[in-house]
């Protein structure tokens, strides 16, 4: 089902691309970075749809060699021009190529936080064969390679947050001298929330609060060690922490403010 959805997304992004000898592409541009990074930007016809193929190479990342479909989104304001080339990556909008004024920036997973500046290369642009880029895109599409990368993988996303939550829990246990267990209740998290909300951040507020309390008070360390054996997290309509015996359940909402302070107040009152 995920692959079918991703193919539908791919079709929506690109539209129906005719399989014919004359590829629906125009002459593209090549940009190069300081360490040999390269970006080939190939416009699809008709140009007024602002659809492109982008091939990234030389970054050492998972994007290298992929020819994904992109849409140019104009975020320009009166004071500055800004265009992002956006594709789908694991079910989310992702924009590794951005132009800000005259600066062209390349971003990639695991790369520099602010990306790198890439420069237009006239010689490489003249040698670029857009039909070959298009053929490579078609091959990757037909093999299912792109659909897998563009589809939202809920289990993989959950695993990332489970690992981060376990690390935050271990840091709290170390600070408090405890061996509490805990988990995220994924049944309370919708797919939309998993895509848009930093689940680890919101679930981690009480763990950070306890870590801070234990680090500044021996009494807090003794109390936490005596009272808490489980710390679980779930999403709800509002911030509603509860203590059920030795189990603390942190029901959180992205709309709630000052959550770490709220957790600290709750622990001081109820532990």
C-alpha atoms as a PDB file:
ATOM      1  CA  UNK A   1       0.000   0.000   0.000  1.00  0.00           C
ATOM      2  CA  UNK A   2       2.811   2.433   0.866  1.00  0.00           C
ATOM      3  CA  UNK A   3       4.445   1.875  -2.509  1.00  0.00           C
ATOM      4  CA  UNK A   4       1.133   2.421  -4.309  1.00  0.00           C
ATOM      5  CA  UNK A   5       0.643   5.680  -2.421  1.00  0.00           C
ATOM      6  CA  UNK A   6       4.152   6.789  -3.240  1.00  0.00           C
ATOM      7  CA  UNK A   7       3.608   6.074  -6.933  1.00  0.00           C
ATOM      8  CA  UNK A   8       0.438   8.157  -6.775  1.00  0.00           C
ATOM      9  CA  UNK A   9       2.396  10.975  -5.145  1.00  0.00           C
ATOM     10  CA  UNK A  10       5.068  10.636  -7.801  1.00  0.00           C
ATOM     11  CA  UNK A  11       2.448  10.901 -10.538  1.00  0.00           C
ATOM     12  CA  UNK A  12       0.896  13.927  -8.858  1.00  0.00           C
ATOM     13  CA  UNK A  13       4.263  15.665  -8.634  1.00  0.00           C
ATOM     14  CA  UNK A  14       5.313  14.972 -12.203  1.00  0.00           C
ATOM     15  CA  UNK A  15       2.018  14.517 -13.956  1.00  0.00           C
ATOM     16  CA  UNK A  16       1.854  11.915 -16.700  1.00  0.00           C
ATOM     17  CA  UNK A  17       5.217  11.765 -18.430  1.00  0.00           C
ATOM     18  CA  UNK A  18       4.936  10.364 -21.943  1.00  0.00           C
ATOM     19  CA  UNK A  19       7.193   7.398 -22.676  1.00  0.00           C
ATOM     20  CA  UNK A  20       8.555   8.447 -26.063  1.00  0.00           C
ATOM     21  CA  UNK A  21      11.875   9.059 -27.759  1.00  0.00           C
ATOM     22  CA  UNK A  22      11.611  12.822 -27.373  1.00  0.00           C
ATOM     23  CA  UNK A  23      11.892  13.256 -23.622  1.00  0.00           C
ATOM     24  CA  UNK A  24       9.825  16.136 -22.160  1.00  0.00           C
ATOM     25  CA  UNK A  25      12.888  18.025 -20.949  1.00  0.00           C
ATOM     26  CA  UNK A  26      14.772  21.186 -21.799  1.00  0.00           C
ATOM     27  CA  UNK A  27      18.422  22.100 -21.446  1.00  0.00           C
ATOM     28  CA  UNK A  28      19.466  21.957 -17.818  1.00  0.00           C
ATOM     29  CA  UNK A  29      22.042  23.542 -15.552  1.00  0.00           C
ATOM     30  CA  UNK A  30      24.850  22.079 -13.497  1.00  0.00           C
ATOM     31  CA  UNK A  31      26.020  23.567 -10.210  1.00  0.00           C
ATOM     32  CA  UNK A  32      29.198  22.494  -8.407  1.00  0.00           C
ATOM     33  CA  UNK A  33      30.298  22.707  -4.792  1.00  0.00           C
ATOM     34  CA  UNK A  34      33.720  23.211  -3.172  1.00  0.00           C
ATOM     35  CA  UNK A  35      34.311  19.477  -2.549  1.00  0.00           C
ATOM     36  CA  UNK A  36      33.149  18.152  -5.901  1.00  0.00           C
ATOM     37  CA  UNK A  37      29.431  18.137  -5.133  1.00  0.00           C
ATOM     38  CA  UNK A  38      27.295  18.420  -8.265  1.00  0.00           C
ATOM     39  CA  UNK A  39      23.658  19.220  -8.923  1.00  0.00           C
ATOM     40  CA  UNK A  40      22.000  18.764 -12.298  1.00  0.00           C
ATOM     41  CA  UNK A  41      18.765  20.762 -12.602  1.00  0.00           C
ATOM     42  CA  UNK A  42      16.652  19.735 -15.594  1.00  0.00           C
ATOM     43  CA  UNK A  43      13.338  21.486 -16.353  1.00  0.00           C
ATOM     44  CA  UNK A  44      10.378  19.460 -17.540  1.00  0.00           C
ATOM     45  CA  UNK A  45       7.969  20.711 -20.149  1.00  0.00           C
ATOM     46  CA  UNK A  46       5.700  22.569 -20.110  1.00  0.00           C
ATOM     47  CA  UNK A  47       7.818  25.050 -18.145  1.00  0.00           C
ATOM     48  CA  UNK A  48       4.824  26.861 -16.635  1.00  0.00           C
ATOM     49  CA  UNK A  49       4.208  23.843 -14.356  1.00  0.00           C
ATOM     50  CA  UNK A  50       7.573  24.510 -12.683  1.00  0.00           C
ATOM     51  CA  UNK A  51       8.510  20.839 -12.518  1.00  0.00           C
ATOM     52  CA  UNK A  52      12.099  19.644 -12.587  1.00  0.00           C
ATOM     53  CA  UNK A  53      14.317  16.625 -12.294  1.00  0.00           C
ATOM     54  CA  UNK A  54      17.246  17.029  -9.928  1.00  0.00           C
ATOM     55  CA  UNK A  55      20.255  14.729  -9.748  1.00  0.00           C
ATOM     56  CA  UNK A  56      22.670  15.172  -6.849  1.00  0.00           C
ATOM     57  CA  UNK A  57      26.154  13.655  -6.840  1.00  0.00           C
ATOM     58  CA  UNK A  58      29.306  13.789  -4.751  1.00  0.00           C
ATOM     59  CA  UNK A  59      27.769  14.378  -1.316  1.00  0.00           C
ATOM     60  CA  UNK A  60      28.323  10.861   0.015  1.00  0.00           C
ATOM     61  CA  UNK A  61      24.663  10.826   1.080  1.00  0.00           C
ATOM     62  CA  UNK A  62      21.652   8.684   0.244  1.00  0.00           C
ATOM     63  CA  UNK A  63      20.626  11.279  -2.356  1.00  0.00           C
ATOM     64  CA  UNK A  64      23.635  10.640  -4.580  1.00  0.00           C
ATOM     65  CA  UNK A  65      22.675   9.319  -7.999  1.00  0.00           C
ATOM     66  CA  UNK A  66      18.936   9.621  -7.474  1.00  0.00           C
ATOM     67  CA  UNK A  67      16.872  11.525 -10.043  1.00  0.00           C
ATOM     68  CA  UNK A  68      13.841  12.628  -8.069  1.00  0.00           C
ATOM     69  CA  UNK A  69      10.924  14.793  -9.267  1.00  0.00           C
ATOM     70  CA  UNK A  70      10.788  18.313  -7.858  1.00  0.00           C
ATOM     71  CA  UNK A  71       8.464  21.285  -7.958  1.00  0.00           C
ATOM     72  CA  UNK A  72       9.848  24.825  -7.749  1.00  0.00           C
ATOM     73  CA  UNK A  73       8.064  26.700  -4.973  1.00  0.00           C
ATOM     74  CA  UNK A  74       8.446  30.463  -4.898  1.00  0.00           C
ATOM     75  CA  UNK A  75       8.656  31.912  -1.373  1.00  0.00           C
ATOM     76  CA  UNK A  76       9.897  35.320  -2.480  1.00  0.00           C
ATOM     77  CA  UNK A  77       8.946  38.449  -0.570  1.00  0.00           C
ATOM     78  CA  UNK A  78       9.270  42.129  -1.345  1.00  0.00           C
ATOM     79  CA  UNK A  79      12.691  42.219   0.298  1.00  0.00           C
ATOM     80  CA  UNK A  80      14.189  38.938  -0.969  1.00  0.00           C
ATOM     81  CA  UNK A  81      13.756  36.248  -3.584  1.00  0.00           C
ATOM     82  CA  UNK A  82      13.646  32.605  -2.474  1.00  0.00           C
ATOM     83  CA  UNK A  83      12.799  29.473  -4.433  1.00  0.00           C
ATOM     84  CA  UNK A  84      12.890  25.930  -3.049  1.00  0.00           C
ATOM     85  CA  UNK A  85      12.996  22.811  -5.205  1.00  0.00           C
ATOM     86  CA  UNK A  86      10.800  20.397  -3.286  1.00  0.00           C
ATOM     87  CA  UNK A  87      10.275  16.655  -3.562  1.00  0.00           C
ATOM     88  CA  UNK A  88       8.826  13.919  -1.352  1.00  0.00           C
ATOM     89  CA  UNK A  89      11.238  12.093   0.955  1.00  0.00           C
ATOM     90  CA  UNK A  90       9.798   9.412   3.244  1.00  0.00           C
ATOM     91  CA  UNK A  91       6.384  11.042   2.967  1.00  0.00           C
ATOM     92  CA  UNK A  92       7.501  14.588   3.748  1.00  0.00           C
ATOM     93  CA  UNK A  93       8.245  17.672   1.700  1.00  0.00           C
ATOM     94  CA  UNK A  94      12.001  17.933   1.322  1.00  0.00           C
ATOM     95  CA  UNK A  95      13.951  20.750  -0.351  1.00  0.00           C
ATOM     96  CA  UNK A  96      17.661  19.999  -0.791  1.00  0.00           C
ATOM     97  CA  UNK A  97      18.091  22.723  -3.419  1.00  0.00           C
ATOM     98  CA  UNK A  98      17.228  26.322  -2.547  1.00  0.00           C
ATOM     99  CA  UNK A  99      17.996  29.652  -4.190  1.00  0.00           C
ATOM    100  CA  UNK A 100      18.186  32.722  -1.980  1.00  0.00           C
ATOM    101  CA  UNK A 101      18.778  35.804  -4.067  1.00  0.00           C
ATOM    102  CA  UNK A 102      21.799  34.943  -6.212  1.00  0.00           C
ATOM    103  CA  UNK A 103      23.005  32.212  -3.823  1.00  0.00           C
ATOM    104  CA  UNK A 104      22.220  28.585  -4.665  1.00  0.00           C
ATOM    105  CA  UNK A 105      22.306  26.261  -1.637  1.00  0.00           C
ATOM    106  CA  UNK A 106      22.560  22.491  -1.537  1.00  0.00           C
ATOM    107  CA  UNK A 107      21.403  20.537   1.517  1.00  0.00           C
ATOM    108  CA  UNK A 108      21.491  16.791   2.119  1.00  0.00           C
ATOM    109  CA  UNK A 109      20.888  14.339   4.985  1.00  0.00           C
ATOM    110  CA  UNK A 110      23.865  14.409   7.323  1.00  0.00           C
ATOM    111  CA  UNK A 111      25.378  17.416   5.580  1.00  0.00           C
ATOM    112  CA  UNK A 112      26.251  20.848   7.005  1.00  0.00           C
ATOM    113  CA  UNK A 113      23.348  22.396   8.877  1.00  0.00           C
ATOM    114  CA  UNK A 114      23.243  25.479   6.675  1.00  0.00           C
ATOM    115  CA  UNK A 115      24.007  23.593   3.490  1.00  0.00           C
ATOM    116  CA  UNK A 116      26.728  24.643   1.071  1.00  0.00           C
ATOM    117  CA  UNK A 117      26.856  27.207  -1.720  1.00  0.00           C
ATOM    118  CA  UNK A 118      27.065  25.726  -5.217  1.00  0.00           C
ATOM    119  CA  UNK A 119      28.096  27.689  -8.303  1.00  0.00           C
ATOM    120  CA  UNK A 120      26.773  27.525 -11.843  1.00  0.00           C
ATOM    121  CA  UNK A 121      29.203  25.685 -14.128  1.00  0.00           C
ATOM    122  CA  UNK A 122      28.894  26.726 -17.758  1.00  0.00           C
ATOM    123  CA  UNK A 123      31.112  23.985 -19.194  1.00  0.00           C
ATOM    124  CA  UNK A 124      29.354  21.159 -17.339  1.00  0.00           C
ATOM    125  CA  UNK A 125      25.970  22.628 -18.191  1.00  0.00           C
ATOM    126  CA  UNK A 126      26.817  22.566 -21.903  1.00  0.00           C
ATOM    127  CA  UNK A 127      27.848  18.906 -21.650  1.00  0.00           C
ATOM    128  CA  UNK A 128      24.778  17.865 -19.657  1.00  0.00           C
ATOM    129  CA  UNK A 129      22.394  15.648 -21.623  1.00  0.00           C
ATOM    130  CA  UNK A 130      18.907  16.183 -20.154  1.00  0.00           C
ATOM    131  CA  UNK A 131      17.510  13.183 -22.073  1.00  0.00           C
ATOM    132  CA  UNK A 132      19.926  10.905 -20.213  1.00  0.00           C
ATOM    133  CA  UNK A 133      18.870  12.388 -16.876  1.00  0.00           C
ATOM    134  CA  UNK A 134      15.241  11.774 -17.835  1.00  0.00           C
ATOM    135  CA  UNK A 135      16.002   8.184 -18.887  1.00  0.00           C
ATOM    136  CA  UNK A 136      17.719   7.574 -15.550  1.00  0.00           C
ATOM    137  CA  UNK A 137      14.671   8.964 -13.755  1.00  0.00           C
ATOM    138  CA  UNK A 138      12.368   6.655 -15.711  1.00  0.00           C
ATOM    139  CA  UNK A 139      14.515   3.623 -14.909  1.00  0.00           C
ATOM    140  CA  UNK A 140      14.517   4.423 -11.191  1.00  0.00           C
ATOM    141  CA  UNK A 141      10.765   5.033 -11.274  1.00  0.00           C
ATOM    142  CA  UNK A 142       9.954   1.803 -13.090  1.00  0.00           C
ATOM    143  CA  UNK A 143      12.183  -0.241 -10.761  1.00  0.00           C
ATOM    144  CA  UNK A 144      10.273   1.053  -7.730  1.00  0.00           C
ATOM    145  CA  UNK A 145      13.429   2.583  -6.235  1.00  0.00           C
ATOM    146  CA  UNK A 146      12.014   6.098  -6.037  1.00  0.00           C
ATOM    147  CA  UNK A 147       8.626   4.999  -4.736  1.00  0.00           C
ATOM    148  CA  UNK A 148      10.249   3.274  -1.756  1.00  0.00           C
ATOM    149  CA  UNK A 149      12.235   6.378  -0.874  1.00  0.00           C
ATOM    150  CA  UNK A 150       9.320   8.734  -1.329  1.00  0.00           C
ATOM    151  CA  UNK A 151       6.808   6.639   0.635  1.00  0.00           C
ATOM    152  CA  UNK A 152       6.117   7.254   4.302  1.00  0.00           C
ATOM    153  CA  UNK A 153       7.483   4.371   6.393  1.00  0.00           C
ATOM    154  CA  UNK A 154       5.684   4.571   9.733  1.00  0.00           C
ATOM    155  CA  UNK A 155       7.554   1.700  11.362  1.00  0.00           C
ATOM    156  CA  UNK A 156      10.904   3.221  10.486  1.00  0.00           C
ATOM    157  CA  UNK A 157       9.806   6.620  11.797  1.00  0.00           C
ATOM    158  CA  UNK A 158       8.589   5.080  15.039  1.00  0.00           C
ATOM    159  CA  UNK A 159      11.892   3.253  15.455  1.00  0.00           C
ATOM    160  CA  UNK A 160      13.840   6.521  15.199  1.00  0.00           C
ATOM    161  CA  UNK A 161      11.765   8.104  17.969  1.00  0.00           C
ATOM    162  CA  UNK A 162      11.847   4.940  20.100  1.00  0.00           C
ATOM    163  CA  UNK A 163      15.644   5.016  20.000  1.00  0.00           C
ATOM    164  CA  UNK A 164      15.796   8.721  20.881  1.00  0.00           C
ATOM    165  CA  UNK A 165      13.287   8.265  23.708  1.00  0.00           C
ATOM    166  CA  UNK A 166      15.300   5.353  25.100  1.00  0.00           C
ATOM    167  CA  UNK A 167      18.442   7.500  25.051  1.00  0.00           C
ATOM    168  CA  UNK A 168      16.679  10.344  26.893  1.00  0.00           C
ATOM    169  CA  UNK A 169      15.299   7.846  29.407  1.00  0.00           C
ATOM    170  CA  UNK A 170      18.774   6.413  29.993  1.00  0.00           C
ATOM    171  CA  UNK A 171      20.161   9.914  30.606  1.00  0.00           C
ATOM    172  CA  UNK A 172      17.437  10.480  33.188  1.00  0.00           C
ATOM    173  CA  UNK A 173      18.137   7.101  34.808  1.00  0.00           C
ATOM    174  CA  UNK A 174      21.831   7.929  35.037  1.00  0.00           C
ATOM    175  CA  UNK A 175      21.146  11.281  36.674  1.00  0.00           C
ATOM    176  CA  UNK A 176      18.593   9.858  39.108  1.00  0.00           C
ATOM    177  CA  UNK A 177      20.238   6.520  39.847  1.00  0.00           C
ATOM    178  CA  UNK A 178      17.151   4.703  38.620  1.00  0.00           C
ATOM    179  CA  UNK A 179      16.378   1.923  36.163  1.00  0.00           C
ATOM    180  CA  UNK A 180      12.935   3.050  35.024  1.00  0.00           C
ATOM    181  CA  UNK A 181      11.454   1.680  31.813  1.00  0.00           C
ATOM    182  CA  UNK A 182       9.275   3.577  29.394  1.00  0.00           C
ATOM    183  CA  UNK A 183       7.736   3.691  25.948  1.00  0.00           C
ATOM    184  CA  UNK A 184       5.801   5.861  23.520  1.00  0.00           C
ATOM    185  CA  UNK A 185       2.176   4.792  23.020  1.00  0.00           C
ATOM    186  CA  UNK A 186       2.078   4.814  19.222  1.00  0.00           C
ATOM    187  CA  UNK A 187      -1.624   4.011  19.139  1.00  0.00           C
ATOM    188  CA  UNK A 188      -2.244   7.608  20.249  1.00  0.00           C
ATOM    189  CA  UNK A 189      -0.116   9.152  17.462  1.00  0.00           C
ATOM    190  CA  UNK A 190      -1.681   9.741  14.048  1.00  0.00           C
ATOM    191  CA  UNK A 191       0.293   9.554  10.819  1.00  0.00           C
ATOM    192  CA  UNK A 192      -0.130  13.303  10.327  1.00  0.00           C
ATOM    193  CA  UNK A 193       1.310  13.961  13.786  1.00  0.00           C
ATOM    194  CA  UNK A 194       4.204  11.603  13.174  1.00  0.00           C
ATOM    195  CA  UNK A 195       5.023  13.507   9.997  1.00  0.00           C
ATOM    196  CA  UNK A 196       4.671  17.006  11.428  1.00  0.00           C
ATOM    197  CA  UNK A 197       5.456  16.781  15.160  1.00  0.00           C
ATOM    198  CA  UNK A 198       8.797  16.106  16.822  1.00  0.00           C
ATOM    199  CA  UNK A 199       7.462  13.289  18.989  1.00  0.00           C
ATOM    200  CA  UNK A 200      10.772  12.772  20.802  1.00  0.00           C
ATOM    201  CA  UNK A 201      10.918  16.416  21.836  1.00  0.00           C
ATOM    202  CA  UNK A 202       7.434  16.499  23.334  1.00  0.00           C
ATOM    203  CA  UNK A 203       7.793  13.106  25.015  1.00  0.00           C
ATOM    204  CA  UNK A 204      11.177  14.087  26.396  1.00  0.00           C
ATOM    205  CA  UNK A 205      10.085  17.100  28.461  1.00  0.00           C
ATOM    206  CA  UNK A 206       9.365  15.156  31.698  1.00  0.00           C
ATOM    207  CA  UNK A 207      12.583  13.182  31.311  1.00  0.00           C
ATOM    208  CA  UNK A 208      14.590  16.384  31.026  1.00  0.00           C
ATOM    209  CA  UNK A 209      12.745  17.838  34.016  1.00  0.00           C
ATOM    210  CA  UNK A 210      13.585  14.804  36.154  1.00  0.00           C
ATOM    211  CA  UNK A 211      17.185  14.798  35.006  1.00  0.00           C
ATOM    212  CA  UNK A 212      17.548  18.437  36.055  1.00  0.00           C
ATOM    213  CA  UNK A 213      15.833  17.866  39.404  1.00  0.00           C
ATOM    214  CA  UNK A 214      18.030  14.865  40.226  1.00  0.00           C
ATOM    215  CA  UNK A 215      21.129  16.769  39.230  1.00  0.00           C
ATOM    216  CA  UNK A 216      20.437  19.560  41.703  1.00  0.00           C
ATOM    217  CA  UNK A 217      18.848  17.758  44.652  1.00  0.00           C
ATOM    218  CA  UNK A 218      19.757  14.566  46.496  1.00  0.00           C
ATOM    219  CA  UNK A 219      16.260  14.503  47.943  1.00  0.00           C
ATOM    220  CA  UNK A 220      14.841  14.520  44.424  1.00  0.00           C
ATOM    221  CA  UNK A 221      17.108  11.595  43.509  1.00  0.00           C
ATOM    222  CA  UNK A 222      15.856   9.555  46.464  1.00  0.00           C
ATOM    223  CA  UNK A 223      12.230  10.413  45.759  1.00  0.00           C
ATOM    224  CA  UNK A 224      12.374   9.591  42.052  1.00  0.00           C
ATOM    225  CA  UNK A 225      14.188   6.339  42.777  1.00  0.00           C
ATOM    226  CA  UNK A 226      11.555   5.333  45.302  1.00  0.00           C
ATOM    227  CA  UNK A 227       8.486   6.392  43.335  1.00  0.00           C
ATOM    228  CA  UNK A 228       9.013   5.878  39.613  1.00  0.00           C
ATOM    229  CA  UNK A 229       9.485   2.613  37.735  1.00  0.00           C
ATOM    230  CA  UNK A 230       7.798   3.450  34.429  1.00  0.00           C
ATOM    231  CA  UNK A 231       7.598   6.659  32.393  1.00  0.00           C
ATOM    232  CA  UNK A 232       5.385   6.430  29.355  1.00  0.00           C
ATOM    233  CA  UNK A 233       4.317   8.999  26.785  1.00  0.00           C
ATOM    234  CA  UNK A 234       1.179   9.424  24.736  1.00  0.00           C
ATOM    235  CA  UNK A 235      -0.429  12.172  22.664  1.00  0.00           C
ATOM    236  CA  UNK A 236      -3.783  13.644  23.580  1.00  0.00           C
ATOM    237  CA  UNK A 237      -5.952  16.713  23.228  1.00  0.00           C
ATOM    238  CA  UNK A 238      -4.274  18.538  26.104  1.00  0.00           C
ATOM    239  CA  UNK A 239      -1.392  18.314  28.568  1.00  0.00           C
ATOM    240  CA  UNK A 240      -2.561  15.818  31.218  1.00  0.00           C
ATOM    241  CA  UNK A 241       0.220  14.135  33.232  1.00  0.00           C
ATOM    242  CA  UNK A 242      -0.875  11.401  35.620  1.00  0.00           C
ATOM    243  CA  UNK A 243       0.815   9.262  38.252  1.00  0.00           C
ATOM    244  CA  UNK A 244      -0.628   5.750  38.561  1.00  0.00           C
ATOM    245  CA  UNK A 245       1.231   3.962  41.341  1.00  0.00           C
ATOM    246  CA  UNK A 246       4.835   3.763  40.186  1.00  0.00           C
ATOM    247  CA  UNK A 247       3.881   4.528  36.566  1.00  0.00           C
ATOM    248  CA  UNK A 248       3.990   8.085  35.271  1.00  0.00           C
ATOM    249  CA  UNK A 249       2.053   8.741  32.051  1.00  0.00           C
ATOM    250  CA  UNK A 250       2.873  11.936  30.205  1.00  0.00           C
ATOM    251  CA  UNK A 251      -0.080  12.815  27.987  1.00  0.00           C
ATOM    252  CA  UNK A 252       1.130  15.684  25.858  1.00  0.00           C
ATOM    253  CA  UNK A 253      -0.164  17.945  23.110  1.00  0.00           C
ATOM    254  CA  UNK A 254       1.925  19.979  20.643  1.00  0.00           C
ATOM    255  CA  UNK A 255      -0.322  22.958  21.383  1.00  0.00           C
ATOM    256  CA  UNK A 256       0.633  23.091  25.076  1.00  0.00           C
ATOM    257  CA  UNK A 257       3.267  25.617  26.119  1.00  0.00           C
ATOM    258  CA  UNK A 258       6.050  25.553  28.747  1.00  0.00           C
ATOM    259  CA  UNK A 259       5.892  21.782  29.006  1.00  0.00           C
ATOM    260  CA  UNK A 260       9.157  21.184  30.839  1.00  0.00           C
ATOM    261  CA  UNK A 261       8.144  23.687  33.523  1.00  0.00           C
ATOM    262  CA  UNK A 262       4.727  22.044  33.722  1.00  0.00           C
ATOM    263  CA  UNK A 263       6.387  18.651  34.220  1.00  0.00           C
ATOM    264  CA  UNK A 264       8.641  20.046  36.952  1.00  0.00           C
ATOM    265  CA  UNK A 265       5.672  21.549  38.783  1.00  0.00           C
ATOM    266  CA  UNK A 266       3.769  18.275  38.565  1.00  0.00           C
ATOM    267  CA  UNK A 267       6.639  16.216  39.948  1.00  0.00           C
ATOM    268  CA  UNK A 268       7.239  18.613  42.842  1.00  0.00           C
ATOM    269  CA  UNK A 269       3.562  18.466  43.762  1.00  0.00           C
ATOM    270  CA  UNK A 270       2.794  14.776  43.283  1.00  0.00           C
ATOM    271  CA  UNK A 271       5.989  12.822  43.977  1.00  0.00           C
END
